[in-house]
Amino acid sequence: MAPTPAGAAVLDKQQQRRHKHASRYRVLLHNDPVNTMEYVVESLRQVVPQLSEQDAIAVMVEAHNTGVGLVIVCDIEPAEFYCEQLKTKGLTSSIEPED
């Protein structure tokens, strides 16, 4: 039996919801004039274990030079977790949808 146009519309909406739900988010680190560079790098590595020391340094330098550095792109739950953990370390962090 062939799907009806109404059935196709339902499938399209389900796929759109799934796509919207699976959006990725950027975890951002904002420039920090208070903490030492070493502390920021150490905190990044503790909170986001996927970051190598070189990656953490690059994020810190980017935040220092431009005002904001990209830490990681991930799903919403880990993004919120990383952001909150960075804040508990005294760092300024935010998340935004990846476009």
N, C-alpha and C. Protein backbone atom coordinates (compact mmCIF):
# COMPACT_ATOMS: atom_id res chain seq x y z
N MET A 1 0.84 -1.18 0.00
CA MET A 1 0.00 0.00 0.00
C MET A 1 0.89 1.25 0.00
N ALA A 2 0.63 2.15 -0.88
CA ALA A 2 1.45 3.37 -1.01
C ALA A 2 1.10 4.34 0.11
N PRO A 3 2.12 5.07 0.62
CA PRO A 3 1.83 6.05 1.67
C PRO A 3 0.99 7.19 1.13
N THR A 4 0.11 7.67 1.96
CA THR A 4 -0.73 8.80 1.56
C THR A 4 0.05 10.09 1.74
N PRO A 5 -0.37 11.14 1.06
CA PRO A 5 0.30 12.42 1.24
C PRO A 5 0.29 12.87 2.71
N ALA A 6 -0.80 12.59 3.42
CA ALA A 6 -0.85 12.97 4.84
C ALA A 6 0.20 12.19 5.62
N GLY A 7 0.39 10.91 5.28
CA GLY A 7 1.41 10.10 5.96
C GLY A 7 2.80 10.64 5.69
N ALA A 8 3.03 11.10 4.47
CA ALA A 8 4.34 11.67 4.13
C ALA A 8 4.58 12.95 4.93
N ALA A 9 3.53 13.74 5.12
CA ALA A 9 3.68 14.97 5.89
C ALA A 9 4.04 14.66 7.34
N VAL A 10 3.43 13.60 7.89
CA VAL A 10 3.74 13.21 9.27
C VAL A 10 5.20 12.78 9.36
N LEU A 11 5.67 12.00 8.40
CA LEU A 11 7.07 11.58 8.40
C LEU A 11 8.00 12.78 8.30
N ASP A 12 7.67 13.72 7.42
CA ASP A 12 8.50 14.91 7.27
C ASP A 12 8.59 15.68 8.59
N LYS A 13 7.46 15.83 9.29
CA LYS A 13 7.48 16.55 10.56
C LYS A 13 8.30 15.81 11.60
N GLN A 14 8.21 14.47 11.61
CA GLN A 14 9.00 13.69 12.56
C GLN A 14 10.48 13.86 12.28
N GLN A 15 10.85 13.85 11.00
CA GLN A 15 12.26 14.02 10.65
C GLN A 15 12.74 15.42 11.02
N GLN A 16 11.89 16.43 10.82
CA GLN A 16 12.27 17.80 11.19
C GLN A 16 12.47 17.91 12.69
N ARG A 17 11.57 17.30 13.48
CA ARG A 17 11.71 17.34 14.93
C ARG A 17 13.00 16.65 15.36
N ARG A 18 13.27 15.51 14.76
CA ARG A 18 14.47 14.77 15.10
C ARG A 18 15.70 15.60 14.74
N HIS A 19 15.67 16.25 13.58
CA HIS A 19 16.81 17.08 13.15
C HIS A 19 16.99 18.26 14.08
N LYS A 20 15.88 18.91 14.46
CA LYS A 20 15.98 20.04 15.38
C LYS A 20 16.50 19.59 16.74
N HIS A 21 16.03 18.44 17.21
CA HIS A 21 16.43 17.94 18.52
C HIS A 21 17.91 17.57 18.53
N ALA A 22 18.44 17.16 17.40
CA ALA A 22 19.83 16.72 17.33
C ALA A 22 20.77 17.87 16.98
N SER A 23 20.32 19.10 17.18
CA SER A 23 21.17 20.25 16.88
C SER A 23 22.44 20.20 17.70
N ARG A 24 23.47 20.78 17.17
CA ARG A 24 24.76 20.83 17.86
C ARG A 24 24.95 22.24 18.41
N TYR A 25 25.72 22.32 19.46
CA TYR A 25 25.93 23.60 20.14
C TYR A 25 27.42 23.86 20.34
N ARG A 26 27.77 25.13 20.27
CA ARG A 26 29.15 25.56 20.52
C ARG A 26 29.28 25.93 21.99
N VAL A 27 30.30 25.41 22.62
CA VAL A 27 30.64 25.84 23.98
C VAL A 27 31.74 26.89 23.82
N LEU A 28 31.49 28.07 24.36
CA LEU A 28 32.41 29.19 24.19
C LEU A 28 33.05 29.58 25.52
N LEU A 29 34.31 29.93 25.45
CA LEU A 29 35.04 30.46 26.59
C LEU A 29 35.28 31.94 26.32
N HIS A 30 34.92 32.77 27.28
CA HIS A 30 35.11 34.21 27.12
C HIS A 30 36.40 34.65 27.79
N ASN A 31 36.98 35.72 27.29
CA ASN A 31 38.24 36.22 27.82
C ASN A 31 38.15 36.39 29.34
N ASP A 32 39.22 36.01 30.01
CA ASP A 32 39.25 36.03 31.46
C ASP A 32 40.46 36.84 31.94
N PRO A 33 40.23 38.08 32.37
CA PRO A 33 41.36 38.90 32.83
C PRO A 33 41.78 38.60 34.27
N VAL A 34 41.10 37.66 34.94
CA VAL A 34 41.35 37.40 36.35
C VAL A 34 42.27 36.20 36.57
N ASN A 35 41.91 35.06 35.98
CA ASN A 35 42.66 33.82 36.20
C ASN A 35 43.91 33.76 35.33
N THR A 36 44.90 33.00 35.81
CA THR A 36 46.13 32.86 35.03
C THR A 36 45.87 31.99 33.80
N MET A 37 46.70 32.16 32.79
CA MET A 37 46.57 31.36 31.58
C MET A 37 46.71 29.87 31.91
N GLU A 38 47.63 29.55 32.81
CA GLU A 38 47.84 28.16 33.20
C GLU A 38 46.58 27.57 33.84
N TYR A 39 45.93 28.35 34.71
CA TYR A 39 44.71 27.89 35.36
C TYR A 39 43.60 27.65 34.34
N VAL A 40 43.47 28.54 33.37
CA VAL A 40 42.44 28.39 32.34
C VAL A 40 42.69 27.12 31.54
N VAL A 41 43.92 26.88 31.13
CA VAL A 41 44.26 25.67 30.36
C VAL A 41 43.98 24.42 31.19
N GLU A 42 44.41 24.43 32.44
CA GLU A 42 44.18 23.28 33.33
C GLU A 42 42.69 23.03 33.51
N SER A 43 41.92 24.08 33.71
CA SER A 43 40.47 23.95 33.88
C SER A 43 39.80 23.40 32.63
N LEU A 44 40.20 23.89 31.47
CA LEU A 44 39.65 23.38 30.22
C LEU A 44 39.90 21.88 30.09
N ARG A 45 41.10 21.44 30.41
CA ARG A 45 41.46 20.03 30.28
C ARG A 45 40.72 19.17 31.29
N GLN A 46 40.46 19.70 32.48
CA GLN A 46 39.72 18.94 33.49
C GLN A 46 38.25 18.80 33.10
N VAL A 47 37.68 19.87 32.60
CA VAL A 47 36.25 19.87 32.28
C VAL A 47 35.97 19.15 30.97
N VAL A 48 36.82 19.33 29.98
CA VAL A 48 36.61 18.71 28.65
C VAL A 48 37.81 17.80 28.38
N PRO A 49 37.75 16.54 28.85
CA PRO A 49 38.91 15.66 28.74
C PRO A 49 39.35 15.37 27.30
N GLN A 50 38.46 15.59 26.33
CA GLN A 50 38.83 15.37 24.93
C GLN A 50 39.88 16.36 24.45
N LEU A 51 40.02 17.48 25.13
CA LEU A 51 40.98 18.51 24.69
C LEU A 51 42.40 18.11 25.08
N SER A 52 43.27 18.16 24.11
CA SER A 52 44.70 17.98 24.41
C SER A 52 45.20 19.27 25.04
N GLU A 53 46.40 19.23 25.56
CA GLU A 53 46.98 20.44 26.14
C GLU A 53 47.11 21.52 25.06
N GLN A 54 47.54 21.12 23.86
CA GLN A 54 47.69 22.09 22.76
C GLN A 54 46.35 22.70 22.37
N ASP A 55 45.28 21.87 22.35
CA ASP A 55 43.95 22.39 22.02
C ASP A 55 43.48 23.38 23.09
N ALA A 56 43.70 23.03 24.35
CA ALA A 56 43.28 23.91 25.45
C ALA A 56 44.04 25.24 25.39
N ILE A 57 45.32 25.17 25.07
CA ILE A 57 46.11 26.41 24.93
C ILE A 57 45.56 27.25 23.78
N ALA A 58 45.23 26.59 22.66
CA ALA A 58 44.70 27.31 21.50
C ALA A 58 43.37 28.00 21.84
N VAL A 59 42.50 27.33 22.60
CA VAL A 59 41.22 27.93 23.00
C VAL A 59 41.48 29.14 23.89
N MET A 60 42.38 28.98 24.85
CA MET A 60 42.71 30.08 25.77
C MET A 60 43.28 31.27 25.01
N VAL A 61 44.19 31.03 24.08
CA VAL A 61 44.81 32.11 23.31
C VAL A 61 43.76 32.81 22.44
N GLU A 62 42.88 32.02 21.81
CA GLU A 62 41.82 32.60 20.99
C GLU A 62 40.92 33.50 21.84
N ALA A 63 40.54 33.03 23.03
CA ALA A 63 39.70 33.84 23.91
C ALA A 63 40.44 35.10 24.35
N HIS A 64 41.71 34.97 24.63
CA HIS A 64 42.52 36.11 25.07
C HIS A 64 42.65 37.16 23.96
N ASN A 65 42.88 36.69 22.73
CA ASN A 65 43.12 37.61 21.61
C ASN A 65 41.85 38.20 21.00
N THR A 66 40.78 37.41 20.97
CA THR A 66 39.57 37.86 20.27
C THR A 66 38.39 38.11 21.20
N GLY A 67 38.51 37.70 22.46
CA GLY A 67 37.41 37.88 23.40
C GLY A 67 36.60 36.63 23.64
N VAL A 68 36.68 35.68 22.70
CA VAL A 68 35.93 34.43 22.86
C VAL A 68 36.64 33.32 22.10
N GLY A 69 36.64 32.12 22.70
CA GLY A 69 37.27 30.96 22.06
C GLY A 69 36.30 29.80 22.00
N LEU A 70 36.36 29.03 20.92
CA LEU A 70 35.51 27.86 20.75
C LEU A 70 36.13 26.68 21.46
N VAL A 71 35.43 26.15 22.46
CA VAL A 71 35.94 25.02 23.24
C VAL A 71 35.64 23.71 22.53
N ILE A 72 34.36 23.48 22.22
CA ILE A 72 33.93 22.22 21.61
C ILE A 72 32.55 22.42 21.00
N VAL A 73 32.21 21.60 20.02
CA VAL A 73 30.86 21.57 19.44
C VAL A 73 30.30 20.19 19.76
N CYS A 74 29.11 20.17 20.39
CA CYS A 74 28.53 18.90 20.82
C CYS A 74 27.02 19.05 20.97
N ASP A 75 26.37 17.98 21.41
CA ASP A 75 24.93 18.01 21.66
C ASP A 75 24.62 18.92 22.84
N ILE A 76 23.36 19.24 23.02
CA ILE A 76 22.95 20.22 24.02
C ILE A 76 23.29 19.79 25.45
N GLU A 77 23.06 18.52 25.80
CA GLU A 77 23.29 18.10 27.18
C GLU A 77 24.76 18.24 27.58
N PRO A 78 25.70 17.68 26.81
CA PRO A 78 27.09 17.89 27.20
C PRO A 78 27.52 19.35 27.11
N ALA A 79 26.96 20.10 26.17
CA ALA A 79 27.30 21.52 26.05
C ALA A 79 26.91 22.27 27.32
N GLU A 80 25.71 22.02 27.80
CA GLU A 80 25.27 22.67 29.04
C GLU A 80 26.14 22.24 30.22
N PHE A 81 26.48 20.96 30.26
CA PHE A 81 27.32 20.44 31.34
C PHE A 81 28.70 21.11 31.32
N TYR A 82 29.34 21.14 30.16
CA TYR A 82 30.67 21.76 30.06
C TYR A 82 30.61 23.23 30.46
N CYS A 83 29.61 23.92 29.98
CA CYS A 83 29.45 25.35 30.28
C CYS A 83 29.33 25.57 31.79
N GLU A 84 28.48 24.79 32.44
CA GLU A 84 28.29 24.94 33.88
C GLU A 84 29.56 24.57 34.65
N GLN A 85 30.25 23.53 34.21
CA GLN A 85 31.48 23.13 34.89
C GLN A 85 32.56 24.20 34.76
N LEU A 86 32.66 24.81 33.59
CA LEU A 86 33.63 25.90 33.42
C LEU A 86 33.28 27.07 34.35
N LYS A 87 32.00 27.34 34.50
CA LYS A 87 31.57 28.42 35.39
C LYS A 87 31.92 28.11 36.84
N THR A 88 31.80 26.84 37.25
CA THR A 88 32.15 26.48 38.63
C THR A 88 33.65 26.66 38.88
N LYS A 89 34.43 26.66 37.81
CA LYS A 89 35.87 26.90 37.94
C LYS A 89 36.20 28.39 37.92
N GLY A 90 35.17 29.23 37.85
CA GLY A 90 35.40 30.67 37.86
C GLY A 90 35.63 31.27 36.48
N LEU A 91 35.35 30.49 35.43
CA LEU A 91 35.53 30.97 34.06
C LEU A 91 34.20 31.42 33.50
N THR A 92 34.23 32.28 32.51
CA THR A 92 33.01 32.75 31.85
C THR A 92 32.81 31.94 30.59
N SER A 93 31.66 31.28 30.51
CA SER A 93 31.37 30.39 29.38
C SER A 93 29.92 30.56 28.97
N SER A 94 29.65 30.27 27.71
CA SER A 94 28.28 30.30 27.20
C SER A 94 28.16 29.25 26.11
N ILE A 95 26.92 28.99 25.71
CA ILE A 95 26.69 28.09 24.58
C ILE A 95 25.82 28.80 23.56
N GLU A 96 25.96 28.37 22.31
CA GLU A 96 25.12 28.91 21.24
C GLU A 96 24.93 27.82 20.20
N PRO A 97 23.80 27.84 19.51
CA PRO A 97 23.58 26.82 18.47
C PRO A 97 24.61 26.95 17.36
N GLU A 98 25.00 25.81 16.84
CA GLU A 98 25.88 25.80 15.67
C GLU A 98 25.00 26.02 14.46
N ASP A 99 25.33 26.98 13.63
CA ASP A 99 24.48 27.28 12.46
C ASP A 99 24.95 26.56 11.24
